[in-house]
Amino acid sequence: MNEDLIHRLEQLETRLAFQDDTIDQLNQEIAAQGGEIVRLKAQLSLMVKKFKELQPSEVASQAEETPPPHY
C-alpha cells in the first residue's frame, strides 16, 4: 500500500507542475492581450479624432458616392 500511495503522490505532483505551467502561460497571454487592447483603444481614439476633424463637405462627398453597378 505504501508504494501505491507514493505513486499517487507522484501523479499529483506531476499534474500540479503541468497546471502551474498552464497557469503561467495563460497569465502571459492575458497580459499580452491587455497590451493589445490598450494599443487598439488608442488607435480607435485617434481614428475618431481624425473623423471628427474632417470638414463636413468631405464627409458629404464621401457619402454621396455613386453606388456600385450591382445595385
Protein backbone atom coordinates (compact mmCIF):
# COMPACT_ATOMS: atom_id res chain seq x y z
CA MET A 1 0.00 0.00 0.00
CA ASN A 2 2.87 2.36 0.65
CA GLU A 3 4.03 2.10 -2.99
CA ASP A 4 0.50 2.87 -4.20
CA LEU A 5 0.42 5.98 -2.05
CA ILE A 6 3.83 7.11 -3.35
CA HIS A 7 2.69 6.53 -6.95
CA ARG A 8 -0.48 8.58 -6.40
CA LEU A 9 1.54 11.36 -4.80
CA GLU A 10 3.94 11.44 -7.77
CA GLN A 11 0.99 11.65 -10.16
CA LEU A 12 -0.47 14.55 -8.21
CA GLU A 13 2.87 16.37 -8.18
CA THR A 14 3.21 15.87 -11.94
CA ARG A 15 -0.29 17.20 -12.57
CA LEU A 16 0.40 20.18 -10.32
CA ALA A 17 3.57 21.01 -12.27
CA PHE A 18 1.65 20.95 -15.57
CA GLN A 19 -1.11 23.08 -14.09
CA ASP A 20 1.41 25.64 -12.83
CA ASP A 21 2.92 25.82 -16.31
CA THR A 22 -0.51 26.22 -17.91
CA ILE A 23 -1.47 28.98 -15.47
CA ASP A 24 1.79 30.81 -16.24
CA GLN A 25 1.17 30.55 -20.00
CA LEU A 26 -2.39 31.83 -19.60
CA ASN A 27 -1.18 34.72 -17.46
CA GLN A 28 1.35 35.72 -20.14
CA GLU A 29 -1.34 35.53 -22.83
CA ILE A 30 -3.74 37.68 -20.80
CA ALA A 31 -1.01 40.28 -20.24
CA ALA A 32 -0.25 40.35 -23.98
CA GLN A 33 -3.94 40.75 -24.81
CA GLY A 34 -4.23 43.58 -22.29
CA GLY A 35 -1.42 45.41 -24.07
CA GLU A 36 -3.08 44.81 -27.43
CA ILE A 37 -6.38 46.18 -26.11
CA VAL A 38 -4.65 49.34 -24.90
CA ARG A 39 -3.00 49.77 -28.32
CA LEU A 40 -6.29 49.23 -30.17
CA LYS A 41 -8.13 51.69 -27.92
CA ALA A 42 -5.51 54.35 -28.64
CA GLN A 43 -5.75 53.66 -32.36
CA LEU A 44 -9.56 53.86 -32.25
CA SER A 45 -9.41 57.16 -30.35
CA LEU A 46 -7.09 58.57 -32.98
CA MET A 47 -9.43 57.46 -35.77
CA VAL A 48 -12.44 59.03 -34.03
CA LYS A 49 -10.49 62.27 -33.56
CA LYS A 50 -9.48 62.35 -37.24
CA PHE A 51 -13.03 61.60 -38.33
CA LYS A 52 -14.39 64.47 -36.23
CA GLU A 53 -11.78 66.80 -37.77
CA LEU A 54 -13.00 66.11 -41.31
CA GLN A 55 -14.72 69.02 -42.96
CA PRO A 56 -18.47 68.48 -43.42
CA SER A 57 -18.08 68.80 -47.20
CA GLU A 58 -15.53 65.96 -47.19
CA VAL A 59 -17.90 63.69 -45.28
CA ALA A 60 -20.83 64.59 -47.55
CA SER A 61 -18.86 63.99 -50.74
CA GLN A 62 -17.76 60.59 -49.46
CA ALA A 63 -21.34 59.68 -48.52
CA GLU A 64 -22.72 60.76 -51.90
CA GLU A 65 -20.53 58.48 -54.00
CA THR A 66 -22.46 56.61 -56.62
CA PRO A 67 -23.34 53.04 -55.69
CA PRO A 68 -21.62 50.17 -57.47
CA PRO A 69 -23.28 48.87 -60.66
CA HIS A 70 -24.76 45.80 -58.99
CA TYR A 71 -27.29 47.92 -57.05
